[in-house]
Every structure is written in C-alpha cells, then in structure tokens.
Amino acid sequence: MYGVDVDGNVETMFNDVQTRGPSSFHKKQFRDYRETKKASGEHLEPVGDDRLDDELLVVFGSGMSASAAVVALENLAKQICKEGLLIGCGRRFEQVLVYETVEGDPVPQFW
C-alpha cells in the first residue's frame, strides 16, 4: 500500500492504515509469494472474492480535491515506473522488500 501526497512524496505504508483485521496483509496475498509458488509448480488457492486480485484500491483523504488526486496518482505512477511496484516483503528472519519492475522483473531490496 502506498501513501502519496500532492507534493510528490510517495511512502510505502504497511500498518499505517487499518484494514480489516491484523491478518489483512498475509504473505499468501502478496504477488511475490504467489508468483514464486506458481513458478515452482505448486498449487495456488484461488484468491477469494473478498480479496483484491488484479484490482487497484484507491482511497482519497477527505481533504483531497480532484486536481490534487490527479497529481498524486501521476506521482505514484512515476514512482512505480522508477522503482517498481512493491509485490512482497521479507521471509522469516529476512529484511527484504520485493519490487517488480514495469518490465516484470522482481527486484529484492535488502534493508
């Protein structure tokens, strides 16, 4: 999940926004996990109807105007083109984020 403001600041958000329960961001829902399992030939459970699959969730703050929303979304698109889309997070005992480039290549970033 990303937070974007009209000044072009893009922030990766993990637990900054409360969704539905603490298990909302389970590793099995991240693209990286699912792509790794698929590549190794393992069976994947279908994504439930109550989960996002190939959709995009956009939530605008109460103070954001339509013009500011356009600027923020353009800034997010630029950020994804530049650094990739966050598709996964660290495995057990690893501190790594996995991004996917626009070309479809996974890029781990250790921290």
PDB file of N, CA and C in Angstrom:
ATOM      1  N   MET A   1       0.853  -1.160   0.000  1.00  0.00           N
ATOM      2  CA  MET A   1       0.000   0.000   0.000  1.00  0.00           C
ATOM      3  C   MET A   1       0.898   1.223   0.000  1.00  0.00           C
ATOM      4  N   TYR A   2       0.519   2.220  -0.725  1.00  0.00           N
ATOM      5  CA  TYR A   2       1.318   3.430  -0.841  1.00  0.00           C
ATOM      6  C   TYR A   2       0.519   4.637  -0.354  1.00  0.00           C
ATOM      7  N   GLY A   3       1.215   5.584   0.221  1.00  0.00           N
ATOM      8  CA  GLY A   3       0.637   6.877   0.540  1.00  0.00           C
ATOM      9  C   GLY A   3       1.288   7.894  -0.378  1.00  0.00           C
ATOM     10  N   VAL A   4       0.500   8.718  -1.022  1.00  0.00           N
ATOM     11  CA  VAL A   4       1.021   9.701  -1.966  1.00  0.00           C
ATOM     12  C   VAL A   4       0.382  11.044  -1.669  1.00  0.00           C
ATOM     13  N   ASP A   5       1.215  12.102  -1.619  1.00  0.00           N
ATOM     14  CA  ASP A   5       0.634  13.427  -1.457  1.00  0.00           C
ATOM     15  C   ASP A   5       0.874  14.254  -2.718  1.00  0.00           C
ATOM     16  N   VAL A   6       0.250  15.426  -2.764  1.00  0.00           N
ATOM     17  CA  VAL A   6       0.310  16.243  -3.974  1.00  0.00           C
ATOM     18  C   VAL A   6       1.686  16.840  -4.222  1.00  0.00           C
ATOM     19  N   ASP A   7       2.577  16.782  -3.247  1.00  0.00           N
ATOM     20  CA  ASP A   7       3.933  17.292  -3.435  1.00  0.00           C
ATOM     21  C   ASP A   7       4.852  16.253  -4.055  1.00  0.00           C
ATOM     22  N   GLY A   8       4.324  15.078  -4.350  1.00  0.00           N
ATOM     23  CA  GLY A   8       5.124  14.049  -4.985  1.00  0.00           C
ATOM     24  C   GLY A   8       5.765  13.087  -4.014  1.00  0.00           C
ATOM     25  N   ASN A   9       5.460  13.204  -2.740  1.00  0.00           N
ATOM     26  CA  ASN A   9       6.021  12.289  -1.748  1.00  0.00           C
ATOM     27  C   ASN A   9       5.260  10.971  -1.797  1.00  0.00           C
ATOM     28  N   VAL A  10       5.996   9.885  -2.047  1.00  0.00           N
ATOM     29  CA  VAL A  10       5.401   8.556  -2.099  1.00  0.00           C
ATOM     30  C   VAL A  10       5.977   7.764  -0.938  1.00  0.00           C
ATOM     31  N   GLU A  11       5.104   7.195  -0.129  1.00  0.00           N
ATOM     32  CA  GLU A  11       5.543   6.443   1.043  1.00  0.00           C
ATOM     33  C   GLU A  11       4.906   5.060   1.018  1.00  0.00           C
ATOM     34  N   THR A  12       5.741   4.034   1.219  1.00  0.00           N
ATOM     35  CA  THR A  12       5.222   2.683   1.356  1.00  0.00           C
ATOM     36  C   THR A  12       4.609   2.563   2.738  1.00  0.00           C
ATOM     37  N   MET A  13       3.373   2.116   2.796  1.00  0.00           N
ATOM     38  CA  MET A  13       2.652   2.023   4.056  1.00  0.00           C
ATOM     39  C   MET A  13       2.364   0.569   4.350  1.00  0.00           C
ATOM     40  N   PHE A  14       2.663   0.129   5.574  1.00  0.00           N
ATOM     41  CA  PHE A  14       2.359  -1.231   5.948  1.00  0.00           C
ATOM     42  C   PHE A  14       1.185  -1.243   6.911  1.00  0.00           C
ATOM     43  N   ASN A  15       1.413  -0.920   8.143  1.00  0.00           N
ATOM     44  CA  ASN A  15       0.343  -0.949   9.130  1.00  0.00           C
ATOM     45  C   ASN A  15      -0.108   0.457   9.517  1.00  0.00           C
ATOM     46  N   ASP A  16       0.208   1.430   8.652  1.00  0.00           N
ATOM     47  CA  ASP A  16      -0.195   2.799   8.940  1.00  0.00           C
ATOM     48  C   ASP A  16      -1.693   2.992   8.749  1.00  0.00           C
ATOM     49  N   VAL A  17      -2.300   2.138   7.953  1.00  0.00           N
ATOM     50  CA  VAL A  17      -3.722   2.232   7.669  1.00  0.00           C
ATOM     51  C   VAL A  17      -4.361   0.949   8.138  1.00  0.00           C
ATOM     52  N   GLN A  18      -5.389   1.062   8.940  1.00  0.00           N
ATOM     53  CA  GLN A  18      -6.048  -0.139   9.428  1.00  0.00           C
ATOM     54  C   GLN A  18      -7.028  -0.633   8.379  1.00  0.00           C
ATOM     55  N   THR A  19      -6.897  -1.885   8.036  1.00  0.00           N
ATOM     56  CA  THR A  19      -7.844  -2.511   7.123  1.00  0.00           C
ATOM     57  C   THR A  19      -8.704  -3.455   7.945  1.00  0.00           C
ATOM     58  N   ARG A  20      -9.064  -4.577   7.425  1.00  0.00           N
ATOM     59  CA  ARG A  20      -9.939  -5.490   8.143  1.00  0.00           C
ATOM     60  C   ARG A  20      -9.131  -6.533   8.897  1.00  0.00           C
ATOM     61  N   GLY A  21      -8.745  -6.223  10.099  1.00  0.00           N
ATOM     62  CA  GLY A  21      -8.082  -7.191  10.959  1.00  0.00           C
ATOM     63  C   GLY A  21      -6.587  -7.288  10.728  1.00  0.00           C
ATOM     64  N   PRO A  22      -5.866  -7.857  11.691  1.00  0.00           N
ATOM     65  CA  PRO A  22      -4.414  -7.928  11.620  1.00  0.00           C
ATOM     66  C   PRO A  22      -3.898  -8.873  10.547  1.00  0.00           C
ATOM     67  N   SER A  23      -4.711  -9.798  10.067  1.00  0.00           N
ATOM     68  CA  SER A  23      -4.237 -10.741   9.052  1.00  0.00           C
ATOM     69  C   SER A  23      -4.523 -10.247   7.639  1.00  0.00           C
ATOM     70  N   SER A  24      -4.918  -8.998   7.489  1.00  0.00           N
ATOM     71  CA  SER A  24      -5.278  -8.476   6.180  1.00  0.00           C
ATOM     72  C   SER A  24      -4.135  -8.539   5.174  1.00  0.00           C
ATOM     73  N   PHE A  25      -2.894  -8.423   5.659  1.00  0.00           N
ATOM     74  CA  PHE A  25      -1.753  -8.456   4.761  1.00  0.00           C
ATOM     75  C   PHE A  25      -0.958  -9.744   4.964  1.00  0.00           C
ATOM     76  N   HIS A  26      -1.606 -10.859   4.819  1.00  0.00           N
ATOM     77  CA  HIS A  26      -0.933 -12.142   4.964  1.00  0.00           C
ATOM     78  C   HIS A  26      -0.036 -12.379   3.754  1.00  0.00           C
ATOM     79  N   LYS A  27       1.126 -12.997   3.971  1.00  0.00           N
ATOM     80  CA  LYS A  27       2.103 -13.176   2.905  1.00  0.00           C
ATOM     81  C   LYS A  27       1.535 -13.915   1.699  1.00  0.00           C
ATOM     82  N   LYS A  28       0.564 -14.772   1.906  1.00  0.00           N
ATOM     83  CA  LYS A  28      -0.005 -15.523   0.798  1.00  0.00           C
ATOM     84  C   LYS A  28      -0.796 -14.642  -0.164  1.00  0.00           C
ATOM     85  N   GLN A  29      -1.039 -13.401   0.232  1.00  0.00           N
ATOM     86  CA  GLN A  29      -1.761 -12.485  -0.638  1.00  0.00           C
ATOM     87  C   GLN A  29      -0.828 -11.612  -1.472  1.00  0.00           C
ATOM     88  N   PHE A  30       0.454 -11.627  -1.164  1.00  0.00           N
ATOM     89  CA  PHE A  30       1.380 -10.797  -1.929  1.00  0.00           C
ATOM     90  C   PHE A  30       1.700 -11.452  -3.266  1.00  0.00           C
ATOM     91  N   ARG A  31       1.873 -10.653  -4.281  1.00  0.00           N
ATOM     92  CA  ARG A  31       2.180 -11.137  -5.624  1.00  0.00           C
ATOM     93  C   ARG A  31       3.462 -11.953  -5.642  1.00  0.00           C
ATOM     94  N   ASP A  32       4.484 -11.525  -4.917  1.00  0.00           N
ATOM     95  CA  ASP A  32       5.761 -12.227  -4.884  1.00  0.00           C
ATOM     96  C   ASP A  32       5.579 -13.670  -4.418  1.00  0.00           C
ATOM     97  N   TYR A  33       4.842 -13.870  -3.363  1.00  0.00           N
ATOM     98  CA  TYR A  33       4.593 -15.210  -2.827  1.00  0.00           C
ATOM     99  C   TYR A  33       3.890 -16.069  -3.875  1.00  0.00           C
ATOM    100  N   ARG A  34       2.853 -15.522  -4.457  1.00  0.00           N
ATOM    101  CA  ARG A  34       2.055 -16.274  -5.420  1.00  0.00           C
ATOM    102  C   ARG A  34       2.847 -16.580  -6.686  1.00  0.00           C
ATOM    103  N   GLU A  35       3.633 -15.636  -7.166  1.00  0.00           N
ATOM    104  CA  GLU A  35       4.446 -15.857  -8.368  1.00  0.00           C
ATOM    105  C   GLU A  35       5.521 -16.912  -8.119  1.00  0.00           C
ATOM    106  N   THR A  36       6.134 -16.897  -6.940  1.00  0.00           N
ATOM    107  CA  THR A  36       7.157 -17.884  -6.590  1.00  0.00           C
ATOM    108  C   THR A  36       6.548 -19.280  -6.549  1.00  0.00           C
ATOM    109  N   LYS A  37       5.397 -19.408  -5.925  1.00  0.00           N
ATOM    110  CA  LYS A  37       4.720 -20.704  -5.849  1.00  0.00           C
ATOM    111  C   LYS A  37       4.323 -21.193  -7.245  1.00  0.00           C
ATOM    112  N   LYS A  38       3.799 -20.297  -8.055  1.00  0.00           N
ATOM    113  CA  LYS A  38       3.375 -20.666  -9.408  1.00  0.00           C
ATOM    114  C   LYS A  38       4.576 -21.121 -10.241  1.00  0.00           C
ATOM    115  N   ALA A  39       5.690 -20.405 -10.126  1.00  0.00           N
ATOM    116  CA  ALA A  39       6.891 -20.748 -10.886  1.00  0.00           C
ATOM    117  C   ALA A  39       7.456 -22.116 -10.495  1.00  0.00           C
ATOM    118  N   SER A  40       7.263 -22.511  -9.246  1.00  0.00           N
ATOM    119  CA  SER A  40       7.774 -23.800  -8.790  1.00  0.00           C
ATOM    120  C   SER A  40       6.770 -24.933  -9.022  1.00  0.00           C
ATOM    121  N   GLY A  41       5.638 -24.613  -9.647  1.00  0.00           N
ATOM    122  CA  GLY A  41       4.652 -25.630  -9.978  1.00  0.00           C
ATOM    123  C   GLY A  41       3.724 -26.006  -8.838  1.00  0.00           C
ATOM    124  N   GLU A  42       3.799 -25.286  -7.736  1.00  0.00           N
ATOM    125  CA  GLU A  42       2.932 -25.600  -6.602  1.00  0.00           C
ATOM    126  C   GLU A  42       1.514 -25.094  -6.837  1.00  0.00           C
ATOM    127  N   HIS A  43       0.571 -25.786  -6.229  1.00  0.00           N
ATOM    128  CA  HIS A  43      -0.843 -25.408  -6.337  1.00  0.00           C
ATOM    129  C   HIS A  43      -1.102 -24.116  -5.578  1.00  0.00           C
ATOM    130  N   LEU A  44      -1.854 -23.233  -6.190  1.00  0.00           N
ATOM    131  CA  LEU A  44      -2.261 -21.980  -5.543  1.00  0.00           C
ATOM    132  C   LEU A  44      -3.761 -21.989  -5.333  1.00  0.00           C
ATOM    133  N   GLU A  45      -4.161 -21.667  -4.130  1.00  0.00           N
ATOM    134  CA  GLU A  45      -5.586 -21.489  -3.877  1.00  0.00           C
ATOM    135  C   GLU A  45      -6.039 -20.229  -4.620  1.00  0.00           C
ATOM    136  N   PRO A  46      -7.226 -20.246  -5.175  1.00  0.00           N
ATOM    137  CA  PRO A  46      -7.726 -19.032  -5.828  1.00  0.00           C
ATOM    138  C   PRO A  46      -7.863 -17.897  -4.818  1.00  0.00           C
ATOM    139  N   VAL A  47      -7.692 -16.692  -5.291  1.00  0.00           N
ATOM    140  CA  VAL A  47      -7.895 -15.524  -4.438  1.00  0.00           C
ATOM    141  C   VAL A  47      -9.394 -15.405  -4.204  1.00  0.00           C
ATOM    142  N   GLY A  48      -9.791 -15.290  -2.950  1.00  0.00           N
ATOM    143  CA  GLY A  48     -11.215 -15.227  -2.616  1.00  0.00           C
ATOM    144  C   GLY A  48     -11.894 -13.993  -3.184  1.00  0.00           C
ATOM    145  N   ASP A  49     -13.208 -14.088  -3.313  1.00  0.00           N
ATOM    146  CA  ASP A  49     -13.987 -12.959  -3.835  1.00  0.00           C
ATOM    147  C   ASP A  49     -13.921 -11.740  -2.933  1.00  0.00           C
ATOM    148  N   ASP A  50     -13.555 -11.947  -1.664  1.00  0.00           N
ATOM    149  CA  ASP A  50     -13.483 -10.834  -0.724  1.00  0.00           C
ATOM    150  C   ASP A  50     -12.074 -10.234  -0.658  1.00  0.00           C
ATOM    151  N   ARG A  51     -11.192 -10.598  -1.598  1.00  0.00           N
ATOM    152  CA  ARG A  51      -9.804 -10.117  -1.631  1.00  0.00           C
ATOM    153  C   ARG A  51      -9.532  -9.436  -2.967  1.00  0.00           C
ATOM    154  N   LEU A  52      -8.570  -8.535  -2.966  1.00  0.00           N
ATOM    155  CA  LEU A  52      -8.143  -7.909  -4.212  1.00  0.00           C
ATOM    156  C   LEU A  52      -7.253  -8.884  -4.973  1.00  0.00           C
ATOM    157  N   ASP A  53      -7.447  -8.979  -6.271  1.00  0.00           N
ATOM    158  CA  ASP A  53      -6.612  -9.831  -7.111  1.00  0.00           C
ATOM    159  C   ASP A  53      -5.886  -8.958  -8.123  1.00  0.00           C
ATOM    160  N   ASP A  54      -6.538  -8.618  -9.193  1.00  0.00           N
ATOM    161  CA  ASP A  54      -5.909  -7.741 -10.181  1.00  0.00           C
ATOM    162  C   ASP A  54      -6.598  -6.372 -10.216  1.00  0.00           C
ATOM    163  N   GLU A  55      -7.127  -5.990  -9.067  1.00  0.00           N
ATOM    164  CA  GLU A  55      -7.783  -4.692  -8.934  1.00  0.00           C
ATOM    165  C   GLU A  55      -6.869  -3.720  -8.197  1.00  0.00           C
ATOM    166  N   LEU A  56      -7.203  -2.485  -8.265  1.00  0.00           N
ATOM    167  CA  LEU A  56      -6.479  -1.420  -7.581  1.00  0.00           C
ATOM    168  C   LEU A  56      -7.442  -0.743  -6.611  1.00  0.00           C
ATOM    169  N   LEU A  57      -7.020  -0.599  -5.372  1.00  0.00           N
ATOM    170  CA  LEU A  57      -7.822   0.090  -4.368  1.00  0.00           C
ATOM    171  C   LEU A  57      -7.255   1.492  -4.205  1.00  0.00           C
ATOM    172  N   VAL A  58      -8.078   2.491  -4.399  1.00  0.00           N
ATOM    173  CA  VAL A  58      -7.662   3.880  -4.249  1.00  0.00           C
ATOM    174  C   VAL A  58      -8.588   4.525  -3.226  1.00  0.00           C
ATOM    175  N   VAL A  59      -8.004   5.108  -2.189  1.00  0.00           N
ATOM    176  CA  VAL A  59      -8.782   5.788  -1.164  1.00  0.00           C
ATOM    177  C   VAL A  59      -8.271   7.210  -1.066  1.00  0.00           C
ATOM    178  N   PHE A  60      -9.144   8.167  -1.220  1.00  0.00           N
ATOM    179  CA  PHE A  60      -8.762   9.573  -1.152  1.00  0.00           C
ATOM    180  C   PHE A  60      -9.119  10.134   0.218  1.00  0.00           C
ATOM    181  N   GLY A  61      -8.189  10.905   0.768  1.00  0.00           N
ATOM    182  CA  GLY A  61      -8.446  11.558   2.038  1.00  0.00           C
ATOM    183  C   GLY A  61      -9.535  12.603   1.890  1.00  0.00           C
ATOM    184  N   SER A  62     -10.174  12.940   2.994  1.00  0.00           N
ATOM    185  CA  SER A  62     -11.321  13.857   2.951  1.00  0.00           C
ATOM    186  C   SER A  62     -10.947  15.257   2.492  1.00  0.00           C
ATOM    187  N   GLY A  63      -9.666  15.620   2.585  1.00  0.00           N
ATOM    188  CA  GLY A  63      -9.258  16.952   2.169  1.00  0.00           C
ATOM    189  C   GLY A  63      -8.679  17.019   0.768  1.00  0.00           C
ATOM    190  N   MET A  64      -8.689  15.907   0.030  1.00  0.00           N
ATOM    191  CA  MET A  64      -8.056  15.884  -1.291  1.00  0.00           C
ATOM    192  C   MET A  64      -9.046  16.267  -2.376  1.00  0.00           C
ATOM    193  N   SER A  65      -8.664  17.265  -3.162  1.00  0.00           N
ATOM    194  CA  SER A  65      -9.506  17.719  -4.273  1.00  0.00           C
ATOM    195  C   SER A  65      -9.275  16.828  -5.491  1.00  0.00           C
ATOM    196  N   ALA A  66     -10.120  16.981  -6.495  1.00  0.00           N
ATOM    197  CA  ALA A  66      -9.979  16.191  -7.723  1.00  0.00           C
ATOM    198  C   ALA A  66      -8.651  16.490  -8.412  1.00  0.00           C
ATOM    199  N   SER A  67      -8.258  17.761  -8.476  1.00  0.00           N
ATOM    200  CA  SER A  67      -6.987  18.093  -9.130  1.00  0.00           C
ATOM    201  C   SER A  67      -5.798  17.559  -8.336  1.00  0.00           C
ATOM    202  N   ALA A  68      -5.878  17.603  -7.018  1.00  0.00           N
ATOM    203  CA  ALA A  68      -4.807  17.052  -6.190  1.00  0.00           C
ATOM    204  C   ALA A  68      -4.739  15.534  -6.338  1.00  0.00           C
ATOM    205  N   ALA A  69      -5.879  14.884  -6.506  1.00  0.00           N
ATOM    206  CA  ALA A  69      -5.906  13.430  -6.704  1.00  0.00           C
ATOM    207  C   ALA A  69      -5.192  13.054  -7.992  1.00  0.00           C
ATOM    208  N   VAL A  70      -5.416  13.816  -9.046  1.00  0.00           N
ATOM    209  CA  VAL A  70      -4.749  13.541 -10.324  1.00  0.00           C
ATOM    210  C   VAL A  70      -3.242  13.675 -10.177  1.00  0.00           C
ATOM    211  N   VAL A  71      -2.793  14.726  -9.513  1.00  0.00           N
ATOM    212  CA  VAL A  71      -1.354  14.930  -9.302  1.00  0.00           C
ATOM    213  C   VAL A  71      -0.774  13.791  -8.474  1.00  0.00           C
ATOM    214  N   ALA A  72      -1.457  13.397  -7.418  1.00  0.00           N
ATOM    215  CA  ALA A  72      -0.970  12.319  -6.561  1.00  0.00           C
ATOM    216  C   ALA A  72      -0.878  10.998  -7.322  1.00  0.00           C
ATOM    217  N   LEU A  73      -1.879  10.691  -8.138  1.00  0.00           N
ATOM    218  CA  LEU A  73      -1.856   9.452  -8.916  1.00  0.00           C
ATOM    219  C   LEU A  73      -0.755   9.477  -9.978  1.00  0.00           C
ATOM    220  N   GLU A  74      -0.544  10.630 -10.590  1.00  0.00           N
ATOM    221  CA  GLU A  74       0.563  10.754 -11.554  1.00  0.00           C
ATOM    222  C   GLU A  74       1.903  10.542 -10.861  1.00  0.00           C
ATOM    223  N   ASN A  75       2.054  11.092  -9.645  1.00  0.00           N
ATOM    224  CA  ASN A  75       3.294  10.899  -8.890  1.00  0.00           C
ATOM    225  C   ASN A  75       3.499   9.431  -8.527  1.00  0.00           C
ATOM    226  N   LEU A  76       2.433   8.744  -8.174  1.00  0.00           N
ATOM    227  CA  LEU A  76       2.538   7.320  -7.869  1.00  0.00           C
ATOM    228  C   LEU A  76       2.973   6.538  -9.102  1.00  0.00           C
ATOM    229  N   ALA A  77       2.387   6.843 -10.250  1.00  0.00           N
ATOM    230  CA  ALA A  77       2.765   6.157 -11.492  1.00  0.00           C
ATOM    231  C   ALA A  77       4.241   6.385 -11.809  1.00  0.00           C
ATOM    232  N   LYS A  78       4.722   7.604 -11.621  1.00  0.00           N
ATOM    233  CA  LYS A  78       6.145   7.901 -11.853  1.00  0.00           C
ATOM    234  C   LYS A  78       7.023   7.092 -10.907  1.00  0.00           C
ATOM    235  N   GLN A  79       6.605   6.987  -9.652  1.00  0.00           N
ATOM    236  CA  GLN A  79       7.369   6.241  -8.659  1.00  0.00           C
ATOM    237  C   GLN A  79       7.444   4.757  -9.023  1.00  0.00           C
ATOM    238  N   ILE A  80       6.340   4.191  -9.455  1.00  0.00           N
ATOM    239  CA  ILE A  80       6.320   2.782  -9.842  1.00  0.00           C
ATOM    240  C   ILE A  80       7.195   2.561 -11.071  1.00  0.00           C
ATOM    241  N   CYS A  81       7.140   3.471 -12.034  1.00  0.00           N
ATOM    242  CA  CYS A  81       7.995   3.354 -13.221  1.00  0.00           C
ATOM    243  C   CYS A  81       9.471   3.439 -12.844  1.00  0.00           C
ATOM    244  N   LYS A  82       9.784   4.262 -11.868  1.00  0.00           N
ATOM    245  CA  LYS A  82      11.178   4.472 -11.460  1.00  0.00           C
ATOM    246  C   LYS A  82      11.712   3.327 -10.599  1.00  0.00           C
ATOM    247  N   GLU A  83      10.957   2.915  -9.580  1.00  0.00           N
ATOM    248  CA  GLU A  83      11.455   1.950  -8.590  1.00  0.00           C
ATOM    249  C   GLU A  83      10.783   0.591  -8.640  1.00  0.00           C
ATOM    250  N   GLY A  84       9.662   0.483  -9.316  1.00  0.00           N
ATOM    251  CA  GLY A  84       8.917  -0.768  -9.357  1.00  0.00           C
ATOM    252  C   GLY A  84       7.751  -0.743  -8.392  1.00  0.00           C
ATOM    253  N   LEU A  85       6.951  -1.789  -8.466  1.00  0.00           N
ATOM    254  CA  LEU A  85       5.769  -1.949  -7.624  1.00  0.00           C
ATOM    255  C   LEU A  85       6.101  -2.907  -6.492  1.00  0.00           C
ATOM    256  N   LEU A  86       5.812  -2.521  -5.272  1.00  0.00           N
ATOM    257  CA  LEU A  86       6.044  -3.400  -4.131  1.00  0.00           C
ATOM    258  C   LEU A  86       5.125  -4.609  -4.253  1.00  0.00           C
ATOM    259  N   ILE A  87       5.740  -5.808  -4.329  1.00  0.00           N
ATOM    260  CA  ILE A  87       4.939  -7.024  -4.505  1.00  0.00           C
ATOM    261  C   ILE A  87       5.156  -8.041  -3.392  1.00  0.00           C
ATOM    262  N   GLY A  88       6.056  -7.771  -2.452  1.00  0.00           N
ATOM    263  CA  GLY A  88       6.286  -8.730  -1.382  1.00  0.00           C
ATOM    264  C   GLY A  88       7.176  -8.165  -0.304  1.00  0.00           C
ATOM    265  N   CYS A  89       7.201  -8.854   0.815  1.00  0.00           N
ATOM    266  CA  CYS A  89       8.045  -8.435   1.924  1.00  0.00           C
ATOM    267  C   CYS A  89       8.842  -9.625   2.426  1.00  0.00           C
ATOM    268  N   GLY A  90       9.719  -9.382   3.373  1.00  0.00           N
ATOM    269  CA  GLY A  90      10.675 -10.371   3.833  1.00  0.00           C
ATOM    270  C   GLY A  90      10.078 -11.689   4.280  1.00  0.00           C
ATOM    271  N   ARG A  91      10.833 -12.731   3.997  1.00  0.00           N
ATOM    272  CA  ARG A  91      10.506 -14.037   4.532  1.00  0.00           C
ATOM    273  C   ARG A  91      10.940 -14.047   5.993  1.00  0.00           C
ATOM    274  N   ARG A  92      10.764 -15.119   6.628  1.00  0.00           N
ATOM    275  CA  ARG A  92      11.105 -15.229   8.040  1.00  0.00           C
ATOM    276  C   ARG A  92      12.569 -14.872   8.268  1.00  0.00           C
ATOM    277  N   PHE A  93      12.819 -13.970   9.172  1.00  0.00           N
ATOM    278  CA  PHE A  93      14.147 -13.507   9.574  1.00  0.00           C
ATOM    279  C   PHE A  93      14.890 -12.740   8.478  1.00  0.00           C
ATOM    280  N   GLU A  94      14.248 -12.372   7.400  1.00  0.00           N
ATOM    281  CA  GLU A  94      14.886 -11.566   6.358  1.00  0.00           C
ATOM    282  C   GLU A  94      14.284 -10.172   6.382  1.00  0.00           C
ATOM    283  N   GLN A  95      15.117  -9.214   6.077  1.00  0.00           N
ATOM    284  CA  GLN A  95      14.635  -7.843   5.952  1.00  0.00           C
ATOM    285  C   GLN A  95      14.782  -7.457   4.487  1.00  0.00           C
ATOM    286  N   VAL A  96      13.774  -7.806   3.710  1.00  0.00           N
ATOM    287  CA  VAL A  96      13.819  -7.561   2.280  1.00  0.00           C
ATOM    288  C   VAL A  96      12.425  -7.172   1.793  1.00  0.00           C
ATOM    289  N   LEU A  97      12.415  -6.258   0.862  1.00  0.00           N
ATOM    290  CA  LEU A  97      11.194  -5.901   0.147  1.00  0.00           C
ATOM    291  C   LEU A  97      11.405  -6.334  -1.294  1.00  0.00           C
ATOM    292  N   VAL A  98      10.377  -6.834  -1.938  1.00  0.00           N
ATOM    293  CA  VAL A  98      10.494  -7.258  -3.327  1.00  0.00           C
ATOM    294  C   VAL A  98       9.631  -6.341  -4.174  1.00  0.00           C
ATOM    295  N   TYR A  99      10.279  -5.736  -5.158  1.00  0.00           N
ATOM    296  CA  TYR A  99       9.592  -4.859  -6.102  1.00  0.00           C
ATOM    297  C   TYR A  99       9.573  -5.537  -7.466  1.00  0.00           C
ATOM    298  N   GLU A 100       8.581  -5.212  -8.271  1.00  0.00           N
ATOM    299  CA  GLU A 100       8.514  -5.711  -9.637  1.00  0.00           C
ATOM    300  C   GLU A 100       8.631  -4.511 -10.572  1.00  0.00           C
ATOM    301  N   THR A 101       9.564  -4.595 -11.522  1.00  0.00           N
ATOM    302  CA  THR A 101       9.732  -3.509 -12.479  1.00  0.00           C
ATOM    303  C   THR A 101       8.572  -3.519 -13.474  1.00  0.00           C
ATOM    304  N   VAL A 102       8.454  -2.460 -14.227  1.00  0.00           N
ATOM    305  CA  VAL A 102       7.410  -2.372 -15.247  1.00  0.00           C
ATOM    306  C   VAL A 102       7.608  -3.478 -16.289  1.00  0.00           C
ATOM    307  N   GLU A 103       8.850  -3.903 -16.469  1.00  0.00           N
ATOM    308  CA  GLU A 103       9.155  -4.978 -17.414  1.00  0.00           C
ATOM    309  C   GLU A 103       8.797  -6.351 -16.847  1.00  0.00           C
ATOM    310  N   GLY A 104       8.452  -6.438 -15.568  1.00  0.00           N
ATOM    311  CA  GLY A 104       8.047  -7.692 -14.960  1.00  0.00           C
ATOM    312  C   GLY A 104       9.134  -8.417 -14.189  1.00  0.00           C
ATOM    313  N   ASP A 105      10.283  -7.785 -13.991  1.00  0.00           N
ATOM    314  CA  ASP A 105      11.389  -8.415 -13.275  1.00  0.00           C
ATOM    315  C   ASP A 105      11.296  -8.155 -11.768  1.00  0.00           C
ATOM    316  N   PRO A 106      11.437  -9.211 -10.944  1.00  0.00           N
ATOM    317  CA  PRO A 106      11.459  -8.988  -9.490  1.00  0.00           C
ATOM    318  C   PRO A 106      12.810  -8.429  -9.059  1.00  0.00           C
ATOM    319  N   VAL A 107      12.772  -7.459  -8.161  1.00  0.00           N
ATOM    320  CA  VAL A 107      13.997  -6.828  -7.664  1.00  0.00           C
ATOM    321  C   VAL A 107      13.928  -6.771  -6.136  1.00  0.00           C
ATOM    322  N   PRO A 108      14.731  -7.614  -5.448  1.00  0.00           N
ATOM    323  CA  PRO A 108      14.753  -7.544  -3.981  1.00  0.00           C
ATOM    324  C   PRO A 108      15.574  -6.355  -3.509  1.00  0.00           C
ATOM    325  N   GLN A 109      15.105  -5.726  -2.469  1.00  0.00           N
ATOM    326  CA  GLN A 109      15.860  -4.615  -1.836  1.00  0.00           C
ATOM    327  C   GLN A 109      15.998  -4.946  -0.363  1.00  0.00           C
ATOM    328  N   PHE A 110      17.246  -5.164   0.061  1.00  0.00           N
ATOM    329  CA  PHE A 110      17.519  -5.503   1.459  1.00  0.00           C
ATOM    330  C   PHE A 110      17.703  -4.239   2.277  1.00  0.00           C
ATOM    331  N   TRP A 111      17.280  -4.278   3.542  1.00  0.00           N
ATOM    332  CA  TRP A 111      17.441  -3.119   4.429  1.00  0.00           C
ATOM    333  C   TRP A 111      17.812  -3.568   5.793  1.00  0.00           C
TER     334      TRP A 111
END
